[in-house]
Amino acid sequence: MTINRINLHLVSDATGETLNSIARATIAQFEHASIVHHRWSLIRTRFQLHRVLEGIEAEPGPVLSTLVEKGLRAELETACQRMGVSVVHVLDPVMGLLQEQFGETAMSRPGRQYVLDADYFRRIDAMHYVLAHDDGQAQAGIAEADVVLVGVSRSSKTPTSFYLANRGVKAANIPLVPSLPDPPGLEDPQAPVVGLTLEPDSLIEIRRHRLRMIGADGPMRHDSGEYVDREAVKAELLWARRLCTRRGWPVVDVTRRSIEETAATVLQLMEAWHQRRRKVDVPAP
């Protein structure tokens, strides 16, 4: 099978996160494609755009754009047409739909999604919260959590918590250790509790990688014992799952899930938890 290699130019007047996500989601559907990404972010002046156009001319390839300023868009389109390069403004279909629904013309001001509003400060606050409540720290503040993640060591609790914080969710995470008492403060949780688990072989590989990182400057004396012993790990995971079942906490298997997919599942479980609570709180007629 021939490998198709192309240059793909991502031109944004903001951070480029939207284009990166769109490109990643669509390219994943092509098995035999080799993509060279050219990322052009914070393009807001003609001078900056000319630098982009020089790059496209040097290494031609299709262009995905989120530019909203009309003058820059027109200049990009004209130059790409001259070079015989396709350009797609990925926001246009959604923007057109919303303009029609609202009966209002879009403002075409770059970077407006990054204003320092209440949502921005909520994300910052959530990030500080995760830092303070990572790995079972600051137990007294667990009552402020929007969600509590529990699981054995190296089950993706911390990275999932940070991803959720970027969505404005205060996520505390607590390790489950068989030799310790059940996690305190969760007898009557005021927020949903979600367990994270994974298959034994995957967990062992992650733990071994962690141990190699820790022991990079010395002999691998730590790569033994119950922490990476298969039977011990299986027993540890079984104990943790039974604990979650006993407490009525849903469990997410993260073995083949990305952090993004795990976080999305946690958000769904949070919504389901709140829906159940609302039904309970509705007074009888």
Protein backbone atom coordinates (compact mmCIF):
# COMPACT_ATOMS: atom_id res chain seq x y z
CA MET A 1 0.00 0.00 0.00
CA THR A 2 1.38 3.39 -1.00
CA ILE A 3 1.79 5.86 1.84
CA ASN A 4 0.29 9.22 0.95
CA ARG A 5 2.37 12.04 2.38
CA ILE A 6 1.03 15.58 2.41
CA ASN A 7 1.75 18.90 4.06
CA LEU A 8 -1.17 20.18 6.11
CA HIS A 9 -1.17 23.84 7.14
CA LEU A 10 -3.23 24.83 10.18
CA VAL A 11 -3.73 28.59 10.23
CA SER A 12 -5.34 30.11 13.33
CA ASP A 13 -5.79 33.60 14.76
CA ALA A 14 -5.83 32.08 18.27
CA THR A 15 -3.99 29.17 19.93
CA GLY A 16 -4.79 26.63 17.21
CA GLU A 17 -6.36 24.14 19.62
CA THR A 18 -9.54 23.87 17.55
CA LEU A 19 -7.64 23.06 14.37
CA ASN A 20 -5.39 20.59 16.16
CA SER A 21 -8.44 18.73 17.47
CA ILE A 22 -10.17 18.70 14.08
CA ALA A 23 -7.02 17.54 12.31
CA ARG A 24 -6.37 14.79 14.87
CA ALA A 25 -9.96 13.53 14.71
CA THR A 26 -10.10 13.40 10.91
CA ILE A 27 -6.59 12.14 10.18
CA ALA A 28 -7.18 9.22 12.55
CA GLN A 29 -9.65 7.84 9.99
CA PHE A 30 -6.93 7.33 7.37
CA GLU A 31 -4.65 4.34 7.86
CA HIS A 32 -2.24 5.00 5.00
CA ALA A 33 -1.59 8.70 5.35
CA SER A 34 1.57 10.49 6.42
CA ILE A 35 0.93 14.08 7.49
CA VAL A 36 3.48 16.82 8.01
CA HIS A 37 1.77 19.41 10.18
CA HIS A 38 2.60 23.08 9.81
CA ARG A 39 1.01 24.99 12.68
CA TRP A 40 0.57 28.75 12.33
CA SER A 41 -1.04 30.27 15.44
CA LEU A 42 -1.91 33.81 16.59
CA ILE A 43 -2.02 35.08 12.99
CA ARG A 44 -3.67 38.49 13.35
CA THR A 45 -1.76 40.88 11.07
CA ARG A 46 -0.89 41.00 7.36
CA PHE A 47 2.81 40.74 8.23
CA GLN A 48 2.19 37.50 10.14
CA LEU A 49 0.02 36.17 7.32
CA HIS A 50 2.74 36.86 4.73
CA ARG A 51 5.07 34.63 6.76
CA VAL A 52 2.42 31.91 6.61
CA LEU A 53 2.00 32.31 2.85
CA GLU A 54 5.75 31.97 2.36
CA GLY A 55 5.61 28.72 4.33
CA ILE A 56 2.71 27.37 2.27
CA GLU A 57 4.49 28.28 -0.99
CA ALA A 58 7.69 26.57 0.17
CA GLU A 59 5.85 23.37 1.18
CA PRO A 60 2.47 23.34 -0.60
CA GLY A 61 -0.45 21.49 0.92
CA PRO A 62 -4.09 21.95 1.91
CA VAL A 63 -4.92 24.66 4.43
CA LEU A 64 -7.34 24.49 7.34
CA SER A 65 -8.15 27.92 8.75
CA THR A 66 -10.03 29.46 11.65
CA LEU A 67 -9.26 33.06 10.66
CA VAL A 68 -12.30 35.27 11.23
CA GLU A 69 -10.99 38.70 10.18
CA LYS A 70 -12.38 39.31 6.69
CA GLY A 71 -9.32 41.02 5.21
CA LEU A 72 -6.93 38.25 6.29
CA ARG A 73 -9.34 35.55 5.09
CA ALA A 74 -9.62 37.18 1.66
CA GLU A 75 -5.85 37.51 1.32
CA LEU A 76 -5.33 33.89 2.38
CA GLU A 77 -7.93 32.67 -0.13
CA THR A 78 -6.47 34.73 -2.99
CA ALA A 79 -2.93 33.52 -2.32
CA CYS A 80 -3.99 29.88 -1.98
CA GLN A 81 -5.95 30.08 -5.24
CA ARG A 82 -2.86 31.48 -6.97
CA MET A 83 -0.74 28.61 -5.60
CA GLY A 84 -3.35 25.99 -6.49
CA VAL A 85 -3.80 25.04 -2.83
CA SER A 86 -7.17 24.20 -1.25
CA VAL A 87 -8.27 26.16 1.82
CA VAL A 88 -11.16 25.37 4.16
CA HIS A 89 -12.46 27.74 6.82
CA VAL A 90 -13.63 25.13 9.31
CA LEU A 91 -15.79 27.46 11.42
CA ASP A 92 -17.92 28.71 8.53
CA PRO A 93 -20.67 26.03 8.52
CA VAL A 94 -21.31 26.39 12.26
CA MET A 95 -20.98 30.17 12.15
CA GLY A 96 -23.49 30.36 9.29
CA LEU A 97 -25.94 28.10 11.09
CA LEU A 98 -25.81 30.18 14.28
CA GLN A 99 -26.09 33.48 12.42
CA GLU A 100 -29.26 32.15 10.82
CA GLN A 101 -30.64 30.94 14.15
CA PHE A 102 -29.78 34.10 16.08
CA GLY A 103 -30.61 36.52 13.30
CA GLU A 104 -27.35 38.25 14.16
CA THR A 105 -24.08 38.73 12.27
CA ALA A 106 -21.00 37.25 13.92
CA MET A 107 -18.52 39.81 15.28
CA SER A 108 -15.46 38.33 13.49
CA ARG A 109 -13.13 39.22 16.35
CA PRO A 110 -10.25 36.75 16.85
CA GLY A 111 -9.60 35.06 20.18
CA ARG A 112 -12.92 35.93 21.81
CA GLN A 113 -13.18 32.39 23.24
CA TYR A 114 -10.17 33.16 25.44
CA VAL A 115 -11.51 36.19 27.30
CA LEU A 116 -10.83 36.33 31.05
CA ASP A 117 -14.42 35.66 32.07
CA ALA A 118 -16.00 33.67 34.90
CA ASP A 119 -15.50 30.41 32.99
CA TYR A 120 -11.77 31.11 32.65
CA PHE A 121 -11.35 31.78 36.36
CA ARG A 122 -13.39 28.67 37.18
CA ARG A 123 -10.87 26.59 35.21
CA ILE A 124 -7.96 28.24 37.01
CA ASP A 125 -9.63 27.59 40.37
CA ALA A 126 -10.20 23.95 39.40
CA MET A 127 -6.53 23.58 38.45
CA HIS A 128 -5.44 24.92 41.85
CA TYR A 129 -7.88 22.53 43.49
CA VAL A 130 -6.43 19.50 41.68
CA LEU A 131 -2.90 20.49 42.71
CA ALA A 132 -3.99 20.73 46.34
CA HIS A 133 -5.99 17.48 46.35
CA ASP A 134 -3.86 15.17 44.23
CA ASP A 135 -3.19 11.65 45.48
CA GLY A 136 -5.28 11.97 48.64
CA GLN A 137 -3.86 15.29 49.83
CA ALA A 138 -5.88 17.83 51.86
CA GLN A 139 -8.65 15.44 52.89
CA ALA A 140 -10.56 18.26 54.61
CA GLY A 141 -11.24 19.88 51.24
CA ILE A 142 -12.78 16.80 49.62
CA ALA A 143 -16.25 18.17 50.42
CA GLU A 144 -15.63 20.93 47.84
CA ALA A 145 -14.96 18.47 45.02
CA ASP A 146 -17.19 18.22 41.96
CA VAL A 147 -16.05 14.61 41.54
CA VAL A 148 -13.73 12.22 43.38
CA LEU A 149 -11.64 9.71 41.43
CA VAL A 150 -10.44 6.59 43.22
CA GLY A 151 -8.21 3.78 42.03
CA VAL A 152 -5.02 1.86 42.63
CA SER A 153 -1.63 3.42 41.99
CA ARG A 154 -0.96 4.42 38.33
CA SER A 155 -4.57 4.09 37.17
CA SER A 156 -4.63 7.52 35.42
CA LYS A 157 -6.28 9.39 38.31
CA THR A 158 -3.97 12.41 38.20
CA PRO A 159 -3.91 13.08 34.43
CA THR A 160 -7.68 12.62 34.27
CA SER A 161 -8.09 15.08 37.14
CA PHE A 162 -6.01 17.70 35.35
CA TYR A 163 -7.93 17.23 32.12
CA LEU A 164 -11.20 17.67 34.00
CA ALA A 165 -9.80 20.80 35.67
CA ASN A 166 -9.31 22.29 32.22
CA ARG A 167 -13.06 21.85 31.82
CA GLY A 168 -13.66 23.72 35.08
CA VAL A 169 -14.28 20.57 37.15
CA LYS A 170 -12.78 20.31 40.65
CA ALA A 171 -11.56 16.71 40.72
CA ALA A 172 -10.00 15.21 43.82
CA ASN A 173 -8.28 11.85 43.52
CA ILE A 174 -7.64 9.30 46.24
CA PRO A 175 -5.45 6.19 45.96
CA LEU A 176 -6.87 2.82 46.94
CA VAL A 177 -4.32 0.77 48.91
CA PRO A 178 -5.31 -2.69 50.22
CA SER A 179 -3.13 -2.37 53.34
CA LEU A 180 -4.81 0.90 54.38
CA PRO A 181 -8.32 1.56 55.74
CA ASP A 182 -11.06 2.55 53.33
CA PRO A 183 -10.68 6.13 52.05
CA PRO A 184 -11.91 8.56 54.74
CA GLY A 185 -14.47 11.25 54.02
CA LEU A 186 -16.43 9.19 51.49
CA GLU A 187 -18.96 7.52 53.77
CA ASP A 188 -21.66 9.95 52.57
CA PRO A 189 -20.06 11.74 49.61
CA GLN A 190 -21.55 15.04 48.49
CA ALA A 191 -20.15 14.55 45.00
CA PRO A 192 -20.01 11.56 42.63
CA VAL A 193 -17.22 9.07 43.27
CA VAL A 194 -15.83 7.22 40.23
CA GLY A 195 -13.38 4.32 40.30
CA LEU A 196 -10.70 3.91 37.63
CA THR A 197 -9.29 0.50 36.81
CA LEU A 198 -7.39 -1.27 34.04
CA GLU A 199 -6.20 -4.72 33.02
CA PRO A 200 -3.38 -6.25 35.11
CA ASP A 201 -0.85 -6.52 32.27
CA SER A 202 -1.34 -2.89 31.27
CA LEU A 203 -1.01 -1.72 34.87
CA ILE A 204 2.17 -3.76 35.36
CA GLU A 205 3.72 -2.25 32.24
CA ILE A 206 2.83 1.28 33.38
CA ARG A 207 4.27 0.62 36.83
CA ARG A 208 7.46 -0.86 35.40
CA HIS A 209 7.88 2.19 33.20
CA ARG A 210 7.41 4.38 36.26
CA LEU A 211 10.01 2.41 38.19
CA ARG A 212 12.46 2.71 35.31
CA MET A 213 11.94 6.48 35.39
CA ILE A 214 12.57 6.61 39.12
CA GLY A 215 15.57 4.29 38.96
CA ALA A 216 17.09 5.79 35.81
CA ASP A 217 20.34 6.66 37.60
CA GLY A 218 20.82 3.37 39.41
CA PRO A 219 20.18 -0.39 39.29
CA MET A 220 16.59 -1.52 38.94
CA ARG A 221 16.21 -2.83 42.46
CA HIS A 222 12.59 -1.65 42.66
CA ASP A 223 11.35 -3.69 39.69
CA SER A 224 10.27 -6.58 41.90
CA GLY A 225 7.85 -7.36 44.68
CA GLU A 226 4.10 -7.00 44.89
CA TYR A 227 3.99 -3.66 43.03
CA VAL A 228 4.59 -5.43 39.70
CA ASP A 229 3.95 -9.06 40.60
CA ARG A 230 1.12 -10.26 38.36
CA GLU A 231 -0.80 -12.24 40.97
CA ALA A 232 -0.46 -9.45 43.54
CA VAL A 233 -1.60 -6.85 41.00
CA LYS A 234 -4.61 -8.97 40.03
CA ALA A 235 -5.56 -9.30 43.69
CA GLU A 236 -5.11 -5.56 44.23
CA LEU A 237 -7.36 -4.70 41.29
CA LEU A 238 -9.99 -7.21 42.39
CA TRP A 239 -9.98 -5.76 45.91
CA ALA A 240 -10.37 -2.21 44.55
CA ARG A 241 -13.25 -3.20 42.26
CA ARG A 242 -15.05 -4.99 45.10
CA LEU A 243 -14.63 -1.92 47.28
CA CYS A 244 -16.19 0.27 44.59
CA THR A 245 -19.03 -2.20 44.11
CA ARG A 246 -19.68 -2.32 47.84
CA ARG A 247 -19.81 1.47 48.01
CA GLY A 248 -21.94 1.77 44.86
CA TRP A 249 -19.27 3.68 42.93
CA PRO A 250 -19.22 3.18 39.15
CA VAL A 251 -15.96 1.92 37.68
CA VAL A 252 -14.35 2.99 34.40
CA ASP A 253 -11.88 0.66 32.70
CA VAL A 254 -9.18 2.94 31.25
CA THR A 255 -7.11 0.20 29.59
CA ARG A 256 -7.92 1.23 26.01
CA ARG A 257 -9.19 4.73 26.69
CA SER A 258 -7.35 7.96 26.14
CA ILE A 259 -7.40 10.53 28.94
CA GLU A 260 -9.93 12.51 26.89
CA GLU A 261 -12.24 9.48 26.60
CA THR A 262 -11.90 8.68 30.29
CA ALA A 263 -12.74 12.27 31.23
CA ALA A 264 -15.76 12.27 28.90
CA THR A 265 -17.06 9.10 30.58
CA VAL A 266 -16.51 10.62 34.03
CA LEU A 267 -18.51 13.70 32.97
CA GLN A 268 -21.36 11.43 31.80
CA LEU A 269 -21.33 9.60 35.13
CA MET A 270 -21.34 12.94 36.98
CA GLU A 271 -24.42 14.05 35.04
CA ALA A 272 -26.18 10.74 35.75
CA TRP A 273 -25.37 11.10 39.47
CA HIS A 274 -26.85 14.60 39.59
CA GLN A 275 -29.95 13.48 37.71
CA ARG A 276 -30.56 10.76 40.29
CA ARG A 277 -30.07 13.28 43.09
CA ARG A 278 -32.54 15.69 41.52
CA LYS A 279 -35.17 12.94 41.31
CA VAL A 280 -34.63 12.09 44.98
CA ASP A 281 -34.91 15.75 45.99
CA VAL A 282 -38.19 16.32 44.13
CA PRO A 283 -40.95 16.51 46.76
CA ALA A 284 -43.88 14.14 46.40
CA PRO A 285 -47.12 15.77 45.08
